[in-house]
ModelCIF file with pLDDT and N, C-alpha, C, O atoms, coordinates in Angstrom:
data_MODEL
#
_entry.id   MODEL 
#
_entity.id                         1 
_entity.type                       polymer 
_entity.pdbx_number_of_molecules   1 
#
_entity_poly.entity_id                      1 
_entity_poly.type                           'polypeptide(L)' 
_entity_poly.nstd_linkage                   no 
_entity_poly.nstd_monomer                   no 
_entity_poly.pdbx_seq_one_letter_code       ALHGCQQGAAVLGDRFYNGTGYNQYADTNRTIVLYPQA 
_entity_poly.pdbx_seq_one_letter_code_can   ALHGCQQGAAVLGDRFYNGTGYNQYADTNRTIVLYPQA 
_entity_poly.pdbx_strand_id                 A 
#
loop_
_entity_poly_seq.entity_id 
_entity_poly_seq.num 
_entity_poly_seq.mon_id 
_entity_poly_seq.hetero 
1 1  ALA n 
1 2  LEU n 
1 3  HIS n 
1 4  GLY n 
1 5  CYS n 
1 6  GLN n 
1 7  GLN n 
1 8  GLY n 
1 9  ALA n 
1 10 ALA n 
1 11 VAL n 
1 12 LEU n 
1 13 GLY n 
1 14 ASP n 
1 15 ARG n 
1 16 PHE n 
1 17 TYR n 
1 18 ASN n 
1 19 GLY n 
1 20 THR n 
1 21 GLY n 
1 22 TYR n 
1 23 ASN n 
1 24 GLN n 
1 25 TYR n 
1 26 ALA n 
1 27 ASP n 
1 28 THR n 
1 29 ASN n 
1 30 ARG n 
1 31 THR n 
1 32 ILE n 
1 33 VAL n 
1 34 LEU n 
1 35 TYR n 
1 36 PRO n 
1 37 GLN n 
1 38 ALA n 
#
_struct_asym.id          A 
_struct_asym.entity_id   1 
#
loop_
_ma_qa_metric.id 
_ma_qa_metric.mode 
_ma_qa_metric.name 
_ma_qa_metric.software_group_id 
_ma_qa_metric.type 
1 global pLDDT . pLDDT 
2 local  pLDDT . pLDDT 
#
_ma_qa_metric_global.metric_id      1 
_ma_qa_metric_global.metric_value   97.58 
_ma_qa_metric_global.model_id       1 
_ma_qa_metric_global.ordinal_id     1 
#
loop_
_ma_qa_metric_local.label_asym_id 
_ma_qa_metric_local.label_comp_id 
_ma_qa_metric_local.label_seq_id 
_ma_qa_metric_local.metric_id 
_ma_qa_metric_local.metric_value 
_ma_qa_metric_local.model_id 
_ma_qa_metric_local.ordinal_id 
A ALA 1  2 98.00 1 1  
A LEU 2  2 98.00 1 2  
A HIS 3  2 98.00 1 3  
A GLY 4  2 98.00 1 4  
A CYS 5  2 98.00 1 5  
A GLN 6  2 98.00 1 6  
A GLN 7  2 98.00 1 7  
A GLY 8  2 98.00 1 8  
A ALA 9  2 98.00 1 9  
A ALA 10 2 97.00 1 10 
A VAL 11 2 97.00 1 11 
A LEU 12 2 98.00 1 12 
A GLY 13 2 98.00 1 13 
A ASP 14 2 98.00 1 14 
A ARG 15 2 97.00 1 15 
A PHE 16 2 98.00 1 16 
A TYR 17 2 98.00 1 17 
A ASN 18 2 96.00 1 18 
A GLY 19 2 96.00 1 19 
A THR 20 2 98.00 1 20 
A GLY 21 2 97.00 1 21 
A TYR 22 2 98.00 1 22 
A ASN 23 2 98.00 1 23 
A GLN 24 2 97.00 1 24 
A TYR 25 2 98.00 1 25 
A ALA 26 2 98.00 1 26 
A ASP 27 2 97.00 1 27 
A THR 28 2 97.00 1 28 
A ASN 29 2 97.00 1 29 
A ARG 30 2 96.00 1 30 
A THR 31 2 97.00 1 31 
A ILE 32 2 97.00 1 32 
A VAL 33 2 98.00 1 33 
A LEU 34 2 98.00 1 34 
A TYR 35 2 98.00 1 35 
A PRO 36 2 98.00 1 36 
A GLN 37 2 98.00 1 37 
A ALA 38 2 98.00 1 38 
#
loop_
_atom_site.group_PDB 
_atom_site.id 
_atom_site.type_symbol 
_atom_site.label_atom_id 
_atom_site.label_alt_id 
_atom_site.label_comp_id 
_atom_site.label_asym_id 
_atom_site.label_entity_id 
_atom_site.label_seq_id 
_atom_site.pdbx_PDB_ins_code 
_atom_site.Cartn_x 
_atom_site.Cartn_y 
_atom_site.Cartn_z 
_atom_site.occupancy 
_atom_site.B_iso_or_equiv 
_atom_site.pdbx_formal_charge 
_atom_site.auth_seq_id 
_atom_site.auth_comp_id 
_atom_site.auth_asym_id 
_atom_site.auth_atom_id 
_atom_site.pdbx_PDB_model_num 
ATOM 1   N N  . ALA A 1 1  ? 298.770 46.313 99.422  1.00 98.00 ? 1  ALA A N  1 
ATOM 2   C CA . ALA A 1 1  ? 299.167 46.332 100.411 1.00 98.00 ? 1  ALA A CA 1 
ATOM 3   C C  . ALA A 1 1  ? 298.496 46.468 101.695 1.00 98.00 ? 1  ALA A C  1 
ATOM 4   O O  . ALA A 1 1  ? 298.009 47.551 102.020 1.00 98.00 ? 1  ALA A O  1 
ATOM 5   N N  . LEU A 1 2  ? 298.428 45.293 102.558 1.00 98.00 ? 2  LEU A N  1 
ATOM 6   C CA . LEU A 1 2  ? 297.809 45.026 104.029 1.00 98.00 ? 2  LEU A CA 1 
ATOM 7   C C  . LEU A 1 2  ? 298.714 45.798 104.988 1.00 98.00 ? 2  LEU A C  1 
ATOM 8   O O  . LEU A 1 2  ? 299.883 45.718 104.612 1.00 98.00 ? 2  LEU A O  1 
ATOM 9   N N  . HIS A 1 3  ? 298.531 46.676 106.345 1.00 98.00 ? 3  HIS A N  1 
ATOM 10  C CA . HIS A 1 3  ? 298.396 46.980 107.104 1.00 98.00 ? 3  HIS A CA 1 
ATOM 11  C C  . HIS A 1 3  ? 298.941 46.350 108.148 1.00 98.00 ? 3  HIS A C  1 
ATOM 12  O O  . HIS A 1 3  ? 299.226 45.215 107.766 1.00 98.00 ? 3  HIS A O  1 
ATOM 13  N N  . GLY A 1 4  ? 299.198 46.481 109.133 1.00 98.00 ? 4  GLY A N  1 
ATOM 14  C CA . GLY A 1 4  ? 299.967 45.393 110.497 1.00 98.00 ? 4  GLY A CA 1 
ATOM 15  C C  . GLY A 1 4  ? 298.751 46.158 111.277 1.00 98.00 ? 4  GLY A C  1 
ATOM 16  O O  . GLY A 1 4  ? 298.087 47.191 111.186 1.00 98.00 ? 4  GLY A O  1 
ATOM 17  N N  . CYS A 1 5  ? 298.914 44.707 112.308 1.00 98.00 ? 5  CYS A N  1 
ATOM 18  C CA . CYS A 1 5  ? 297.907 45.227 113.611 1.00 98.00 ? 5  CYS A CA 1 
ATOM 19  C C  . CYS A 1 5  ? 298.263 46.560 114.298 1.00 98.00 ? 5  CYS A C  1 
ATOM 20  O O  . CYS A 1 5  ? 299.443 46.837 114.515 1.00 98.00 ? 5  CYS A O  1 
ATOM 21  N N  . GLN A 1 6  ? 297.244 47.402 114.649 1.00 98.00 ? 6  GLN A N  1 
ATOM 22  C CA . GLN A 1 6  ? 297.598 48.464 115.291 1.00 98.00 ? 6  GLN A CA 1 
ATOM 23  C C  . GLN A 1 6  ? 297.728 49.823 114.063 1.00 98.00 ? 6  GLN A C  1 
ATOM 24  O O  . GLN A 1 6  ? 297.646 51.042 114.220 1.00 98.00 ? 6  GLN A O  1 
ATOM 25  N N  . GLN A 1 7  ? 297.978 48.931 112.757 1.00 98.00 ? 7  GLN A N  1 
ATOM 26  C CA . GLN A 1 7  ? 297.984 49.960 111.716 1.00 98.00 ? 7  GLN A CA 1 
ATOM 27  C C  . GLN A 1 7  ? 296.864 50.891 111.079 1.00 98.00 ? 7  GLN A C  1 
ATOM 28  O O  . GLN A 1 7  ? 297.020 52.036 110.653 1.00 98.00 ? 7  GLN A O  1 
ATOM 29  N N  . GLY A 1 8  ? 295.566 50.050 111.115 1.00 98.00 ? 8  GLY A N  1 
ATOM 30  C CA . GLY A 1 8  ? 294.688 50.762 110.376 1.00 98.00 ? 8  GLY A CA 1 
ATOM 31  C C  . GLY A 1 8  ? 294.503 51.897 110.429 1.00 98.00 ? 8  GLY A C  1 
ATOM 32  O O  . GLY A 1 8  ? 294.754 52.237 111.585 1.00 98.00 ? 8  GLY A O  1 
ATOM 33  N N  . ALA A 1 9  ? 293.996 53.297 109.453 1.00 98.00 ? 9  ALA A N  1 
ATOM 34  C CA . ALA A 1 9  ? 293.631 53.886 109.400 1.00 98.00 ? 9  ALA A CA 1 
ATOM 35  C C  . ALA A 1 9  ? 293.085 54.946 110.934 1.00 98.00 ? 9  ALA A C  1 
ATOM 36  O O  . ALA A 1 9  ? 293.539 56.040 111.269 1.00 98.00 ? 9  ALA A O  1 
ATOM 37  N N  . ALA A 1 10 ? 292.160 54.253 111.504 1.00 97.00 ? 10 ALA A N  1 
ATOM 38  C CA . ALA A 1 10 ? 291.157 54.531 112.225 1.00 97.00 ? 10 ALA A CA 1 
ATOM 39  C C  . ALA A 1 10 ? 292.659 54.497 113.663 1.00 97.00 ? 10 ALA A C  1 
ATOM 40  O O  . ALA A 1 10 ? 292.289 54.758 114.808 1.00 97.00 ? 10 ALA A O  1 
ATOM 41  N N  . VAL A 1 11 ? 293.660 54.289 113.513 1.00 97.00 ? 11 VAL A N  1 
ATOM 42  C CA . VAL A 1 11 ? 294.125 54.310 114.473 1.00 97.00 ? 11 VAL A CA 1 
ATOM 43  C C  . VAL A 1 11 ? 295.237 55.283 114.421 1.00 97.00 ? 11 VAL A C  1 
ATOM 44  O O  . VAL A 1 11 ? 295.395 56.107 115.322 1.00 97.00 ? 11 VAL A O  1 
ATOM 45  N N  . LEU A 1 12 ? 296.314 55.179 112.984 1.00 98.00 ? 12 LEU A N  1 
ATOM 46  C CA . LEU A 1 12 ? 297.193 56.071 112.572 1.00 98.00 ? 12 LEU A CA 1 
ATOM 47  C C  . LEU A 1 12 ? 296.783 56.868 111.641 1.00 98.00 ? 12 LEU A C  1 
ATOM 48  O O  . LEU A 1 12 ? 297.731 57.572 111.294 1.00 98.00 ? 12 LEU A O  1 
ATOM 49  N N  . GLY A 1 13 ? 295.798 57.120 111.037 1.00 98.00 ? 13 GLY A N  1 
ATOM 50  C CA . GLY A 1 13 ? 295.375 58.023 110.139 1.00 98.00 ? 13 GLY A CA 1 
ATOM 51  C C  . GLY A 1 13 ? 295.618 57.681 108.525 1.00 98.00 ? 13 GLY A C  1 
ATOM 52  O O  . GLY A 1 13 ? 294.956 56.868 107.879 1.00 98.00 ? 13 GLY A O  1 
ATOM 53  N N  . ASP A 1 14 ? 296.991 58.688 107.901 1.00 98.00 ? 14 ASP A N  1 
ATOM 54  C CA . ASP A 1 14 ? 297.523 58.109 106.543 1.00 98.00 ? 14 ASP A CA 1 
ATOM 55  C C  . ASP A 1 14 ? 298.554 57.668 106.855 1.00 98.00 ? 14 ASP A C  1 
ATOM 56  O O  . ASP A 1 14 ? 299.307 57.604 105.883 1.00 98.00 ? 14 ASP A O  1 
ATOM 57  N N  . ARG A 1 15 ? 299.091 57.230 107.982 1.00 97.00 ? 15 ARG A N  1 
ATOM 58  C CA . ARG A 1 15 ? 300.934 57.355 108.332 1.00 97.00 ? 15 ARG A CA 1 
ATOM 59  C C  . ARG A 1 15 ? 301.042 55.548 107.342 1.00 97.00 ? 15 ARG A C  1 
ATOM 60  O O  . ARG A 1 15 ? 302.154 55.108 107.049 1.00 97.00 ? 15 ARG A O  1 
ATOM 61  N N  . PHE A 1 16 ? 299.841 54.817 106.999 1.00 98.00 ? 16 PHE A N  1 
ATOM 62  C CA . PHE A 1 16 ? 300.790 53.559 106.608 1.00 98.00 ? 16 PHE A CA 1 
ATOM 63  C C  . PHE A 1 16 ? 300.461 53.985 104.893 1.00 98.00 ? 16 PHE A C  1 
ATOM 64  O O  . PHE A 1 16 ? 301.253 54.435 104.065 1.00 98.00 ? 16 PHE A O  1 
ATOM 65  N N  . TYR A 1 17 ? 299.354 53.735 104.777 1.00 98.00 ? 17 TYR A N  1 
ATOM 66  C CA . TYR A 1 17 ? 299.232 54.063 103.422 1.00 98.00 ? 17 TYR A CA 1 
ATOM 67  C C  . TYR A 1 17 ? 299.529 55.707 102.957 1.00 98.00 ? 17 TYR A C  1 
ATOM 68  O O  . TYR A 1 17 ? 298.619 56.319 102.397 1.00 98.00 ? 17 TYR A O  1 
ATOM 69  N N  . ASN A 1 18 ? 300.419 56.160 103.135 1.00 96.00 ? 18 ASN A N  1 
ATOM 70  C CA . ASN A 1 18 ? 300.652 57.930 102.316 1.00 96.00 ? 18 ASN A CA 1 
ATOM 71  C C  . ASN A 1 18 ? 301.917 58.130 102.903 1.00 96.00 ? 18 ASN A C  1 
ATOM 72  O O  . ASN A 1 18 ? 302.286 59.303 102.976 1.00 96.00 ? 18 ASN A O  1 
ATOM 73  N N  . GLY A 1 19 ? 302.872 57.014 103.456 1.00 96.00 ? 19 GLY A N  1 
ATOM 74  C CA . GLY A 1 19 ? 303.980 57.246 104.146 1.00 96.00 ? 19 GLY A CA 1 
ATOM 75  C C  . GLY A 1 19 ? 304.532 56.035 104.520 1.00 96.00 ? 19 GLY A C  1 
ATOM 76  O O  . GLY A 1 19 ? 304.855 55.957 105.706 1.00 96.00 ? 19 GLY A O  1 
ATOM 77  N N  . THR A 1 20 ? 304.760 54.896 103.692 1.00 98.00 ? 20 THR A N  1 
ATOM 78  C CA . THR A 1 20 ? 305.575 53.873 103.634 1.00 98.00 ? 20 THR A CA 1 
ATOM 79  C C  . THR A 1 20 ? 306.079 53.511 102.578 1.00 98.00 ? 20 THR A C  1 
ATOM 80  O O  . THR A 1 20 ? 306.425 52.347 102.372 1.00 98.00 ? 20 THR A O  1 
ATOM 81  N N  . GLY A 1 21 ? 306.177 54.300 101.884 1.00 97.00 ? 21 GLY A N  1 
ATOM 82  C CA . GLY A 1 21 ? 306.782 54.125 100.250 1.00 97.00 ? 21 GLY A CA 1 
ATOM 83  C C  . GLY A 1 21 ? 306.274 53.362 99.140  1.00 97.00 ? 21 GLY A C  1 
ATOM 84  O O  . GLY A 1 21 ? 306.769 53.202 98.024  1.00 97.00 ? 21 GLY A O  1 
ATOM 85  N N  . TYR A 1 22 ? 305.116 52.881 99.672  1.00 98.00 ? 22 TYR A N  1 
ATOM 86  C CA . TYR A 1 22 ? 304.629 52.016 98.624  1.00 98.00 ? 22 TYR A CA 1 
ATOM 87  C C  . TYR A 1 22 ? 304.537 53.127 96.920  1.00 98.00 ? 22 TYR A C  1 
ATOM 88  O O  . TYR A 1 22 ? 305.023 52.855 95.822  1.00 98.00 ? 22 TYR A O  1 
ATOM 89  N N  . ASN A 1 23 ? 303.587 54.572 97.419  1.00 98.00 ? 23 ASN A N  1 
ATOM 90  C CA . ASN A 1 23 ? 302.678 55.393 96.533  1.00 98.00 ? 23 ASN A CA 1 
ATOM 91  C C  . ASN A 1 23 ? 303.812 55.635 95.528  1.00 98.00 ? 23 ASN A C  1 
ATOM 92  O O  . ASN A 1 23 ? 303.790 55.342 94.333  1.00 98.00 ? 23 ASN A O  1 
ATOM 93  N N  . GLN A 1 24 ? 305.005 56.335 96.350  1.00 97.00 ? 24 GLN A N  1 
ATOM 94  C CA . GLN A 1 24 ? 306.637 56.603 95.297  1.00 97.00 ? 24 GLN A CA 1 
ATOM 95  C C  . GLN A 1 24 ? 306.828 55.589 94.191  1.00 97.00 ? 24 GLN A C  1 
ATOM 96  O O  . GLN A 1 24 ? 307.299 56.078 93.164  1.00 97.00 ? 24 GLN A O  1 
ATOM 97  N N  . TYR A 1 25 ? 306.536 54.097 94.151  1.00 98.00 ? 25 TYR A N  1 
ATOM 98  C CA . TYR A 1 25 ? 306.944 53.190 93.738  1.00 98.00 ? 25 TYR A CA 1 
ATOM 99  C C  . TYR A 1 25 ? 305.675 53.414 92.762  1.00 98.00 ? 25 TYR A C  1 
ATOM 100 O O  . TYR A 1 25 ? 305.975 53.248 91.580  1.00 98.00 ? 25 TYR A O  1 
ATOM 101 N N  . ALA A 1 26 ? 304.651 53.671 92.937  1.00 98.00 ? 26 ALA A N  1 
ATOM 102 C CA . ALA A 1 26 ? 303.642 53.456 92.006  1.00 98.00 ? 26 ALA A CA 1 
ATOM 103 C C  . ALA A 1 26 ? 303.817 53.976 91.075  1.00 98.00 ? 26 ALA A C  1 
ATOM 104 O O  . ALA A 1 26 ? 303.763 53.391 89.994  1.00 98.00 ? 26 ALA A O  1 
ATOM 105 N N  . ASP A 1 27 ? 304.229 55.930 91.263  1.00 97.00 ? 27 ASP A N  1 
ATOM 106 C CA . ASP A 1 27 ? 304.020 56.868 90.419  1.00 97.00 ? 27 ASP A CA 1 
ATOM 107 C C  . ASP A 1 27 ? 304.803 56.071 88.993  1.00 97.00 ? 27 ASP A C  1 
ATOM 108 O O  . ASP A 1 27 ? 304.278 55.978 87.883  1.00 97.00 ? 27 ASP A O  1 
ATOM 109 N N  . THR A 1 28 ? 306.107 55.575 89.357  1.00 97.00 ? 28 THR A N  1 
ATOM 110 C CA . THR A 1 28 ? 306.851 55.439 87.969  1.00 97.00 ? 28 THR A CA 1 
ATOM 111 C C  . THR A 1 28 ? 306.581 54.046 87.682  1.00 97.00 ? 28 THR A C  1 
ATOM 112 O O  . THR A 1 28 ? 307.400 53.526 86.925  1.00 97.00 ? 28 THR A O  1 
ATOM 113 N N  . ASN A 1 29 ? 305.609 53.290 88.109  1.00 97.00 ? 29 ASN A N  1 
ATOM 114 C CA . ASN A 1 29 ? 305.725 51.963 87.713  1.00 97.00 ? 29 ASN A CA 1 
ATOM 115 C C  . ASN A 1 29 ? 304.292 51.307 87.077  1.00 97.00 ? 29 ASN A C  1 
ATOM 116 O O  . ASN A 1 29 ? 304.224 50.091 86.902  1.00 97.00 ? 29 ASN A O  1 
ATOM 117 N N  . ARG A 1 30 ? 303.067 52.266 86.718  1.00 96.00 ? 30 ARG A N  1 
ATOM 118 C CA . ARG A 1 30 ? 301.989 52.277 86.348  1.00 96.00 ? 30 ARG A CA 1 
ATOM 119 C C  . ARG A 1 30 ? 301.127 51.534 87.337  1.00 96.00 ? 30 ARG A C  1 
ATOM 120 O O  . ARG A 1 30 ? 300.424 50.802 86.640  1.00 96.00 ? 30 ARG A O  1 
ATOM 121 N N  . THR A 1 31 ? 300.758 51.310 88.877  1.00 97.00 ? 31 THR A N  1 
ATOM 122 C CA . THR A 1 31 ? 300.772 50.172 89.655  1.00 97.00 ? 31 THR A CA 1 
ATOM 123 C C  . THR A 1 31 ? 299.302 51.722 90.492  1.00 97.00 ? 31 THR A C  1 
ATOM 124 O O  . THR A 1 31 ? 299.413 52.942 90.613  1.00 97.00 ? 31 THR A O  1 
ATOM 125 N N  . ILE A 1 32 ? 298.487 51.030 90.742  1.00 97.00 ? 32 ILE A N  1 
ATOM 126 C CA . ILE A 1 32 ? 297.684 51.797 91.658  1.00 97.00 ? 32 ILE A CA 1 
ATOM 127 C C  . ILE A 1 32 ? 297.940 50.337 92.978  1.00 97.00 ? 32 ILE A C  1 
ATOM 128 O O  . ILE A 1 32 ? 298.223 49.148 92.829  1.00 97.00 ? 32 ILE A O  1 
ATOM 129 N N  . VAL A 1 33 ? 297.661 51.211 94.238  1.00 98.00 ? 33 VAL A N  1 
ATOM 130 C CA . VAL A 1 33 ? 298.097 50.298 95.098  1.00 98.00 ? 33 VAL A CA 1 
ATOM 131 C C  . VAL A 1 33 ? 296.466 50.569 96.483  1.00 98.00 ? 33 VAL A C  1 
ATOM 132 O O  . VAL A 1 33 ? 296.141 51.614 97.046  1.00 98.00 ? 33 VAL A O  1 
ATOM 133 N N  . LEU A 1 34 ? 295.901 49.341 96.580  1.00 98.00 ? 34 LEU A N  1 
ATOM 134 C CA . LEU A 1 34 ? 295.052 48.877 97.664  1.00 98.00 ? 34 LEU A CA 1 
ATOM 135 C C  . LEU A 1 34 ? 295.003 49.127 98.681  1.00 98.00 ? 34 LEU A C  1 
ATOM 136 O O  . LEU A 1 34 ? 296.193 49.249 98.971  1.00 98.00 ? 34 LEU A O  1 
ATOM 137 N N  . TYR A 1 35 ? 294.236 49.390 99.877  1.00 98.00 ? 35 TYR A N  1 
ATOM 138 C CA . TYR A 1 35 ? 294.848 49.792 101.268 1.00 98.00 ? 35 TYR A CA 1 
ATOM 139 C C  . TYR A 1 35 ? 293.135 49.087 101.500 1.00 98.00 ? 35 TYR A C  1 
ATOM 140 O O  . TYR A 1 35 ? 292.064 49.623 101.784 1.00 98.00 ? 35 TYR A O  1 
ATOM 141 N N  . PRO A 1 36 ? 293.404 48.112 101.309 1.00 98.00 ? 36 PRO A N  1 
ATOM 142 C CA . PRO A 1 36 ? 291.762 48.070 102.512 1.00 98.00 ? 36 PRO A CA 1 
ATOM 143 C C  . PRO A 1 36 ? 292.385 47.922 103.815 1.00 98.00 ? 36 PRO A C  1 
ATOM 144 O O  . PRO A 1 36 ? 293.587 47.864 104.078 1.00 98.00 ? 36 PRO A O  1 
ATOM 145 N N  . GLN A 1 37 ? 291.368 47.871 104.602 1.00 98.00 ? 37 GLN A N  1 
ATOM 146 C CA . GLN A 1 37 ? 291.048 48.355 106.870 1.00 98.00 ? 37 GLN A CA 1 
ATOM 147 C C  . GLN A 1 37 ? 290.681 47.335 106.624 1.00 98.00 ? 37 GLN A C  1 
ATOM 148 O O  . GLN A 1 37 ? 290.084 46.692 105.760 1.00 98.00 ? 37 GLN A O  1 
ATOM 149 N N  . ALA A 1 38 ? 291.362 47.231 107.989 1.00 98.00 ? 38 ALA A N  1 
ATOM 150 C CA . ALA A 1 38 ? 290.489 46.323 109.232 1.00 98.00 ? 38 ALA A CA 1 
ATOM 151 C C  . ALA A 1 38 ? 290.805 47.185 110.334 1.00 98.00 ? 38 ALA A C  1 
ATOM 152 O O  . ALA A 1 38 ? 290.383 46.926 111.460 1.00 98.00 ? 38 ALA A O  1 
#
């Protein structure tokens, strides 16, 4: 999952990687979500 411009953790903290719904999907679908950071 690639964040958008001005959405990296240095700007938003965990709001993208912990607040956009990916993780709830991952929990029930045996999926690791990788969040690289620009």
